[in-house]
Amino acid sequence: MELLNTFNVLCISSCRIVQENGLSRVYFRNVNSVFLVQLAVVSATSFCGLKDYYQRSEFYLQSTAQMTGAVRNVALTVVVLIVNMLLLIKRTKVYVFVEQLIRLDRQIGSLTNRYQITVNVRLVKLQVAFVFTLYSIILVCRIILCFVYYFPQFGLVAGIGLVLTVFVEFQMRLQQLFVQFFAEHLAVRYQLLRQLLPVKSPNQKRLIRSSLRLYHQLGSMQQLLNRTFGVPCLLFTLTFFLGCAEACFFSLHMLEVDYPLAKILMESVYLVPGVTLFLGFTYQCDVLSGEEQEFKNAIKSLQYEATEEHSEDYLNFLDLINLKLMTESPKITACGLFTVNLQVFYNVFAAIVTYIMILFQFRDFEK
C-alpha cells in the first residue's frame, strides 16, 4: 500500500498510510493542497488556452485538424478538473475503501498465521515509472519546441500553454492509474483467498466459511469501487477515444501537408501513453473479474474432490456454498453503462476508426 503515499505526494490522493506500532493506519493528508495544486495547473492552462484562442481564433477555425486539436485540449482540461473535484468530494469513500483493505489483510493474516500480508501491485508500479519517464521526455521536448518554434511564431502565451498541457495530461494519467491501483489490489486479494482454500485440513469447514466471508467483503468493496470511480472510468474512456482519434487524424493531416518530421513525431508520441495506459487499465479490470471467477471455480473444485471419507453434512455444506456463488458478481463499470474490460479497449479502437473517417469527410467540405 506504500504506493498510495506516492499518489498523495503527487497530489492525486488525499489519503496516506502511516505505520504505528507495526500496524498500518490510514489518515487524510494534504487534502486542500491536493485539490488546489491541480486546480492551479488547470486554471493556468485554461487561461493560456483561452487567451491563445482569442488571439488566434481564425487559425483554429480555418481547418478541422486545428479545431479537433483545440477540442481535445479542452476535453482533457475539463476531465482533469472534474475528476479532481470528484476525488475531493468522495475522499471519505476512498478512505473507507483503504481502511477495509487494511482490515481484510489483518483477517487474512490471522487465518494464515502471518503477522503482516505483503501485496505487490507490479503492473501499476511499472506504469507509474513509465509515465514519469515518458512525460519527462515529452516535457523536455516541448520546452525545446517552444523556444525553437512556438515562442517566435505564436508568442509567449501559446508556448506556456503548450508546456502546461503536459502537466495536465500527466495528472490525468496518474488519476487513471489511481483507479487501477485499487482494482489490482482487489485482484491480488482474490488470489490470496484462493490460496486459503484447503485441500485436506482438520479445520476445513472453518477455513472455507472464513474464506467465503472475506469473499463477500471483497464483493462489497468492489461495489464501493464502482460507486466511487464510476464517473472517472466513463470520462477516462471518452478522453482516450477523443485523444487517440485526434492524434491519429492530426498526424495523417500533417503527413499530407508536409509538416516537419519532428512536429509529426511529437504529435504521434501522444498515442503511446494513451494506448498503453488504457490497455493496462482495461486489462487489470479483466484480471479482477478473472480472479474472482477463479475463486468460485476453486470452491466448486472442492466439491468435485470430495470423497466418501467426507461426511454428508460436509457435502451438503459445499452444495449450499455453490448455490450462493451462482449469483452474478459485481463488475467494474462506467456508471453502469458498460463493463470496463478488454472488450471496451477493442470497441473504442473500432469507434476511433469511424470517427477519423467522419473527420476526413468534414475536411473534404473545406476544399
Protein backbone atom coordinates (compact mmCIF):
# COMPACT_ATOMS: atom_id res chain seq x y z
CA MET A 1 0.00 0.00 0.00
CA GLU A 2 3.04 2.28 0.05
CA LEU A 3 2.20 3.38 -3.49
CA LEU A 4 -0.82 5.19 -2.02
CA ASN A 5 1.62 7.57 -0.32
CA THR A 6 3.22 8.25 -3.71
CA PHE A 7 -0.17 9.28 -5.08
CA ASN A 8 -0.56 11.55 -2.06
CA VAL A 9 2.79 13.24 -2.73
CA LEU A 10 1.84 13.67 -6.40
CA CYS A 11 -1.40 15.45 -5.38
CA ILE A 12 -3.74 12.73 -6.63
CA SER A 13 -4.98 11.19 -3.37
CA SER A 14 -5.67 12.84 -0.01
CA CYS A 15 -5.15 9.55 1.91
CA ARG A 16 -1.87 8.38 3.37
CA ILE A 17 -0.74 5.16 5.07
CA VAL A 18 1.23 5.51 8.30
CA GLN A 19 2.86 2.70 10.29
CA GLU A 20 2.02 2.89 14.00
CA ASN A 21 3.24 0.17 16.40
CA GLY A 22 3.72 -2.21 13.48
CA LEU A 23 0.17 -1.65 12.17
CA SER A 24 -0.92 0.25 9.07
CA ARG A 25 -3.22 3.22 9.65
CA VAL A 26 -4.86 5.45 7.06
CA TYR A 27 -5.17 9.21 7.54
CA PHE A 28 -6.14 12.23 5.49
CA ARG A 29 -3.10 14.26 4.47
CA ASN A 30 -2.80 17.45 2.37
CA VAL A 31 -6.50 17.46 1.47
CA ASN A 32 -6.54 21.14 0.47
CA SER A 33 -3.17 21.19 -1.26
CA VAL A 34 -4.05 18.09 -3.36
CA PHE A 35 -7.08 19.90 -4.75
CA LEU A 36 -5.51 23.37 -5.02
CA VAL A 37 -2.36 22.23 -6.86
CA GLN A 38 -4.39 20.52 -9.59
CA LEU A 39 -6.80 23.45 -9.70
CA ALA A 40 -3.90 25.87 -10.15
CA VAL A 41 -2.44 23.84 -13.05
CA VAL A 42 -5.84 23.52 -14.74
CA SER A 43 -6.63 27.22 -14.22
CA ALA A 44 -3.29 28.37 -15.64
CA THR A 45 -3.68 26.05 -18.63
CA SER A 46 -7.24 27.26 -19.23
CA PHE A 47 -6.17 30.91 -19.04
CA CYS A 48 -3.35 30.41 -21.56
CA GLY A 49 -5.57 28.34 -23.83
CA LEU A 50 -8.43 30.86 -23.85
CA LYS A 51 -6.10 33.79 -24.41
CA ASP A 52 -4.32 31.97 -27.23
CA TYR A 53 -7.67 31.05 -28.81
CA TYR A 54 -8.85 34.66 -28.57
CA GLN A 55 -5.64 35.90 -30.23
CA ARG A 56 -5.61 33.22 -32.94
CA SER A 57 -9.27 32.29 -33.34
CA GLU A 58 -9.06 32.44 -37.15
CA PHE A 59 -6.15 29.98 -37.08
CA TYR A 60 -8.15 27.41 -35.06
CA LEU A 61 -11.30 27.83 -37.15
CA GLN A 62 -9.58 27.56 -40.52
CA SER A 63 -9.42 23.74 -40.57
CA THR A 64 -10.92 20.63 -38.99
CA ALA A 65 -7.46 19.48 -37.86
CA GLN A 66 -6.82 22.60 -35.79
CA MET A 67 -10.34 22.56 -34.36
CA THR A 68 -10.11 18.91 -33.24
CA GLY A 69 -6.79 19.66 -31.51
CA ALA A 70 -8.39 22.52 -29.58
CA VAL A 71 -11.38 20.32 -28.64
CA ARG A 72 -9.02 17.61 -27.37
CA ASN A 73 -7.16 20.06 -25.12
CA VAL A 74 -10.43 21.49 -23.76
CA ALA A 75 -11.79 17.98 -23.05
CA LEU A 76 -8.55 16.95 -21.34
CA THR A 77 -8.57 20.01 -19.07
CA VAL A 78 -12.25 19.63 -18.17
CA VAL A 79 -11.86 15.92 -17.38
CA VAL A 80 -8.90 16.52 -15.04
CA LEU A 81 -10.85 19.24 -13.23
CA ILE A 82 -14.00 17.07 -12.87
CA VAL A 83 -12.07 14.02 -11.65
CA ASN A 84 -10.11 16.20 -9.22
CA MET A 85 -13.37 17.53 -7.78
CA LEU A 86 -14.87 14.03 -7.58
CA LEU A 87 -11.83 12.71 -5.72
CA LEU A 88 -12.18 15.59 -3.27
CA ILE A 89 -15.92 15.01 -2.78
CA LYS A 90 -15.58 11.23 -2.48
CA ARG A 91 -12.40 11.19 -0.43
CA THR A 92 -14.28 9.63 2.50
CA LYS A 93 -15.23 6.64 0.32
CA VAL A 94 -11.59 6.26 -0.71
CA TYR A 95 -10.63 6.41 2.98
CA VAL A 96 -13.21 3.72 3.84
CA PHE A 97 -12.00 1.53 0.97
CA VAL A 98 -8.36 1.72 2.10
CA GLU A 99 -9.40 1.04 5.71
CA GLN A 100 -11.35 -2.04 4.61
CA LEU A 101 -8.33 -3.29 2.64
CA ILE A 102 -6.14 -2.97 5.73
CA ARG A 103 -8.74 -4.75 7.87
CA LEU A 104 -9.09 -7.51 5.26
CA ASP A 105 -5.33 -8.07 5.26
CA ARG A 106 -5.38 -8.47 9.03
CA GLN A 107 -8.14 -11.07 8.79
CA ILE A 108 -6.26 -12.97 6.08
CA GLY A 109 -3.10 -12.77 8.20
CA SER A 110 -4.92 -14.25 11.21
CA LEU A 111 -6.07 -17.20 9.09
CA THR A 112 -2.59 -17.84 7.69
CA ASN A 113 -0.78 -17.14 10.99
CA ARG A 114 1.17 -14.34 9.32
CA TYR A 115 1.62 -11.06 11.13
CA GLN A 116 1.50 -8.92 8.00
CA ILE A 117 0.40 -9.55 4.42
CA THR A 118 2.74 -8.31 1.68
CA VAL A 119 0.99 -7.22 -1.52
CA ASN A 120 2.90 -6.15 -4.62
CA VAL A 121 0.97 -4.28 -7.33
CA ARG A 122 3.56 -4.78 -10.07
CA LEU A 123 1.58 -3.53 -13.06
CA VAL A 124 0.66 -0.15 -11.52
CA LYS A 125 4.23 0.39 -10.26
CA LEU A 126 5.60 -0.36 -13.72
CA GLN A 127 3.10 2.03 -15.33
CA VAL A 128 3.83 4.83 -12.85
CA ALA A 129 7.54 4.55 -13.68
CA PHE A 130 6.67 4.51 -17.40
CA VAL A 131 4.51 7.65 -17.06
CA PHE A 132 7.25 9.50 -15.15
CA THR A 133 9.89 8.63 -17.73
CA LEU A 134 7.80 9.32 -20.82
CA TYR A 135 6.32 12.62 -19.67
CA SER A 136 9.73 13.86 -18.53
CA ILE A 137 10.95 13.28 -22.08
CA ILE A 138 7.83 14.92 -23.54
CA LEU A 139 8.23 17.93 -21.24
CA VAL A 140 11.85 18.47 -22.29
CA CYS A 141 10.90 18.15 -25.96
CA ARG A 142 8.01 20.57 -25.52
CA ILE A 143 10.25 23.17 -23.87
CA ILE A 144 12.77 22.89 -26.71
CA LEU A 145 9.94 23.12 -29.27
CA CYS A 146 8.62 26.25 -27.56
CA PHE A 147 11.95 28.08 -27.76
CA VAL A 148 12.63 26.94 -31.32
CA TYR A 149 9.18 27.30 -32.86
CA TYR A 150 6.26 28.41 -30.66
CA PHE A 151 7.69 31.49 -28.93
CA PRO A 152 8.91 33.10 -32.19
CA GLN A 153 5.83 32.11 -34.20
CA PHE A 154 2.88 32.32 -31.78
CA GLY A 155 4.11 34.18 -28.72
CA LEU A 156 4.77 33.52 -25.04
CA VAL A 157 1.21 32.59 -24.01
CA ALA A 158 0.84 29.85 -26.63
CA GLY A 159 4.19 28.31 -25.63
CA ILE A 160 3.42 28.34 -21.91
CA GLY A 161 0.02 26.80 -22.59
CA LEU A 162 1.70 24.06 -24.62
CA VAL A 163 4.02 23.21 -21.71
CA LEU A 164 1.22 23.31 -19.12
CA THR A 165 -0.80 20.86 -21.21
CA VAL A 166 1.90 18.26 -20.48
CA PHE A 167 1.29 18.64 -16.73
CA VAL A 168 -2.49 18.41 -17.20
CA GLU A 169 -2.18 15.20 -19.22
CA PHE A 170 0.31 13.83 -16.69
CA GLN A 171 -2.24 14.43 -13.92
CA MET A 172 -4.94 12.61 -15.87
CA ARG A 173 -2.70 9.58 -16.43
CA LEU A 174 -1.98 9.42 -12.70
CA GLN A 175 -5.69 9.71 -11.88
CA GLN A 176 -6.36 6.74 -14.14
CA LEU A 177 -3.56 4.75 -12.51
CA PHE A 178 -5.00 5.63 -9.10
CA VAL A 179 -8.27 3.86 -10.02
CA GLN A 180 -6.34 0.93 -11.49
CA PHE A 181 -4.30 0.73 -8.27
CA PHE A 182 -7.40 -0.30 -6.31
CA ALA A 183 -8.57 -2.75 -8.98
CA GLU A 184 -5.19 -4.50 -8.86
CA HIS A 185 -5.32 -4.66 -5.06
CA LEU A 186 -8.71 -6.38 -5.20
CA ALA A 187 -7.41 -8.88 -7.78
CA VAL A 188 -4.45 -9.75 -5.52
CA ARG A 189 -6.82 -10.27 -2.55
CA TYR A 190 -8.86 -12.79 -4.59
CA GLN A 191 -5.60 -14.65 -5.26
CA LEU A 192 -4.85 -14.74 -1.53
CA LEU A 193 -8.32 -16.06 -0.77
CA ARG A 194 -7.92 -18.83 -3.32
CA GLN A 195 -4.68 -19.88 -1.64
CA LEU A 196 -6.52 -20.13 1.67
CA LEU A 197 -8.81 -22.89 0.40
CA PRO A 198 -7.57 -26.16 1.92
CA VAL A 199 -7.28 -29.49 0.18
CA LYS A 200 -7.25 -31.57 3.35
CA SER A 201 -7.35 -29.99 6.77
CA PRO A 202 -8.99 -30.73 10.11
CA ASN A 203 -10.38 -27.17 10.08
CA GLN A 204 -11.62 -27.41 6.52
CA LYS A 205 -15.16 -26.13 7.07
CA ARG A 206 -14.00 -23.24 9.26
CA LEU A 207 -11.44 -22.10 6.68
CA ILE A 208 -13.99 -22.32 3.86
CA ARG A 209 -16.50 -20.29 5.88
CA SER A 210 -13.85 -17.69 6.67
CA SER A 211 -12.77 -17.50 3.02
CA LEU A 212 -16.38 -17.12 1.92
CA ARG A 213 -16.96 -14.32 4.42
CA LEU A 214 -13.89 -12.49 3.12
CA TYR A 215 -15.08 -13.11 -0.45
CA HIS A 216 -18.36 -11.32 0.32
CA GLN A 217 -16.38 -8.46 1.85
CA LEU A 218 -14.41 -8.16 -1.39
CA GLY A 219 -17.68 -8.08 -3.33
CA SER A 220 -18.89 -5.20 -1.16
CA MET A 221 -15.59 -3.40 -1.70
CA GLN A 222 -15.93 -3.87 -5.46
CA GLN A 223 -19.38 -2.25 -5.31
CA LEU A 224 -17.87 0.62 -3.30
CA LEU A 225 -15.20 0.97 -6.00
CA ASN A 226 -17.95 1.25 -8.63
CA ARG A 227 -19.80 3.95 -6.70
CA THR A 228 -16.60 5.91 -6.14
CA PHE A 229 -14.96 5.69 -9.56
CA GLY A 230 -17.83 5.07 -11.99
CA VAL A 231 -17.82 8.60 -13.43
CA PRO A 232 -13.98 8.78 -13.74
CA CYS A 233 -14.00 5.43 -15.61
CA LEU A 234 -16.50 6.86 -18.10
CA LEU A 235 -14.51 10.08 -18.51
CA PHE A 236 -11.21 8.21 -18.97
CA THR A 237 -12.79 6.10 -21.73
CA LEU A 238 -14.19 9.13 -23.55
CA THR A 239 -10.90 11.03 -23.21
CA PHE A 240 -8.94 8.06 -24.57
CA PHE A 241 -11.30 7.85 -27.55
CA LEU A 242 -11.12 11.57 -28.31
CA GLY A 243 -7.35 11.88 -27.70
CA CYS A 244 -6.35 8.90 -29.85
CA ALA A 245 -8.72 9.86 -32.67
CA GLU A 246 -7.43 13.44 -32.74
CA ALA A 247 -3.76 12.36 -32.58
CA CYS A 248 -4.21 9.88 -35.45
CA PHE A 249 -6.17 12.34 -37.57
CA PHE A 250 -3.79 15.24 -36.96
CA SER A 251 -0.73 13.07 -37.68
CA LEU A 252 -2.23 11.96 -41.01
CA HIS A 253 -3.12 15.56 -41.80
CA MET A 254 0.44 16.75 -41.10
CA LEU A 255 1.90 13.99 -43.29
CA GLU A 256 -0.34 15.13 -46.11
CA VAL A 257 0.61 18.83 -45.90
CA ASP A 258 4.35 18.15 -45.40
CA TYR A 259 4.83 19.31 -41.80
CA PRO A 260 8.33 18.91 -40.28
CA LEU A 261 9.05 15.35 -39.21
CA ALA A 262 9.81 16.43 -35.61
CA LYS A 263 6.36 18.03 -35.30
CA ILE A 264 4.68 14.87 -36.64
CA LEU A 265 6.59 12.67 -34.19
CA MET A 266 5.71 14.98 -31.28
CA GLU A 267 2.03 14.63 -32.13
CA SER A 268 2.19 10.87 -32.72
CA VAL A 269 4.00 10.19 -29.43
CA TYR A 270 0.80 11.05 -27.55
CA LEU A 271 -0.64 7.79 -28.80
CA VAL A 272 1.93 5.84 -26.77
CA PRO A 273 0.85 6.73 -23.19
CA GLY A 274 -2.84 6.86 -24.10
CA VAL A 275 -2.93 3.41 -25.70
CA THR A 276 -0.53 1.77 -23.23
CA LEU A 277 -2.22 3.02 -20.06
CA PHE A 278 -5.79 2.44 -21.22
CA LEU A 279 -4.81 -1.07 -22.31
CA GLY A 280 -3.32 -1.67 -18.85
CA PHE A 281 -6.42 -0.21 -17.19
CA THR A 282 -8.89 -2.42 -19.09
CA TYR A 283 -6.59 -5.44 -18.75
CA GLN A 284 -6.46 -5.02 -14.96
CA CYS A 285 -10.27 -4.84 -14.75
CA ASP A 286 -10.37 -8.04 -16.82
CA VAL A 287 -7.86 -9.68 -14.44
CA LEU A 288 -10.03 -8.68 -11.47
CA SER A 289 -13.08 -10.39 -12.99
CA GLY A 290 -10.95 -13.42 -13.86
CA GLU A 291 -9.51 -13.76 -10.34
CA GLU A 292 -12.98 -13.52 -8.83
CA GLN A 293 -14.18 -16.29 -11.16
CA GLU A 294 -11.11 -18.39 -10.33
CA PHE A 295 -12.05 -18.24 -6.64
CA LYS A 296 -15.54 -19.51 -7.50
CA ASN A 297 -14.03 -22.32 -9.57
CA ALA A 298 -11.74 -23.24 -6.68
CA ILE A 299 -14.79 -23.56 -4.38
CA LYS A 300 -16.53 -25.75 -6.96
CA SER A 301 -13.45 -27.95 -7.29
CA LEU A 302 -13.66 -28.76 -3.57
CA GLN A 303 -16.99 -30.45 -4.26
CA TYR A 304 -15.52 -32.48 -7.11
CA GLU A 305 -12.56 -33.51 -4.97
CA ALA A 306 -14.78 -34.64 -2.09
CA THR A 307 -14.52 -38.38 -1.41
CA GLU A 308 -16.51 -40.93 0.51
CA GLU A 309 -14.42 -40.11 3.56
CA HIS A 310 -16.21 -36.77 3.88
CA SER A 311 -19.46 -36.68 5.79
CA GLU A 312 -22.82 -35.99 4.18
CA ASP A 313 -23.01 -32.79 6.23
CA TYR A 314 -19.80 -31.54 4.59
CA LEU A 315 -21.08 -32.36 1.09
CA ASN A 316 -24.37 -30.54 1.78
CA PHE A 317 -22.31 -27.61 3.08
CA LEU A 318 -20.42 -27.41 -0.24
CA ASP A 319 -23.69 -27.64 -2.19
CA LEU A 320 -25.11 -24.69 -0.27
CA ILE A 321 -21.99 -22.60 -0.86
CA ASN A 322 -22.01 -23.29 -4.60
CA LEU A 323 -25.65 -22.24 -4.79
CA LYS A 324 -24.79 -18.94 -3.11
CA LEU A 325 -21.91 -18.37 -5.54
CA MET A 326 -24.16 -18.78 -8.60
CA THR A 327 -25.33 -15.17 -8.30
CA GLU A 328 -23.74 -12.68 -10.71
CA SER A 329 -20.67 -10.95 -9.33
CA PRO A 330 -20.19 -7.17 -9.31
CA LYS A 331 -18.08 -5.78 -12.14
CA ILE A 332 -16.12 -2.56 -12.63
CA THR A 333 -18.46 -0.41 -14.72
CA ALA A 334 -18.55 3.13 -16.09
CA CYS A 335 -21.65 4.44 -14.29
CA GLY A 336 -23.40 1.16 -15.12
CA LEU A 337 -23.29 1.95 -18.87
CA PHE A 338 -20.75 -0.74 -19.74
CA THR A 339 -18.37 -3.12 -18.03
CA VAL A 340 -14.74 -2.00 -18.14
CA ASN A 341 -12.70 -4.82 -19.67
CA LEU A 342 -10.50 -5.56 -22.68
CA GLN A 343 -13.55 -5.68 -24.94
CA VAL A 344 -14.05 -1.95 -24.26
CA PHE A 345 -10.48 -1.33 -25.47
CA TYR A 346 -11.22 -3.11 -28.77
CA ASN A 347 -14.58 -1.38 -29.20
CA VAL A 348 -13.06 2.06 -28.64
CA PHE A 349 -10.50 1.41 -31.38
CA ALA A 350 -13.29 0.49 -33.78
CA ALA A 351 -15.06 3.75 -32.85
CA ILE A 352 -11.82 5.71 -33.39
CA VAL A 353 -11.54 4.45 -36.99
CA THR A 354 -15.15 5.52 -37.64
CA TYR A 355 -14.56 8.94 -36.06
CA ILE A 356 -11.42 9.55 -38.16
CA MET A 357 -13.37 8.76 -41.32
CA ILE A 358 -16.01 11.32 -40.29
CA LEU A 359 -13.31 13.95 -39.64
CA PHE A 360 -11.85 13.36 -43.11
CA GLN A 361 -15.30 13.89 -44.61
CA PHE A 362 -15.60 17.20 -42.74
CA ARG A 363 -12.18 18.19 -44.05
CA ASP A 364 -13.32 17.49 -47.61
CA PHE A 365 -16.08 20.06 -47.18
CA GLU A 366 -13.39 22.70 -46.56
CA LYS A 367 -11.95 22.31 -50.06
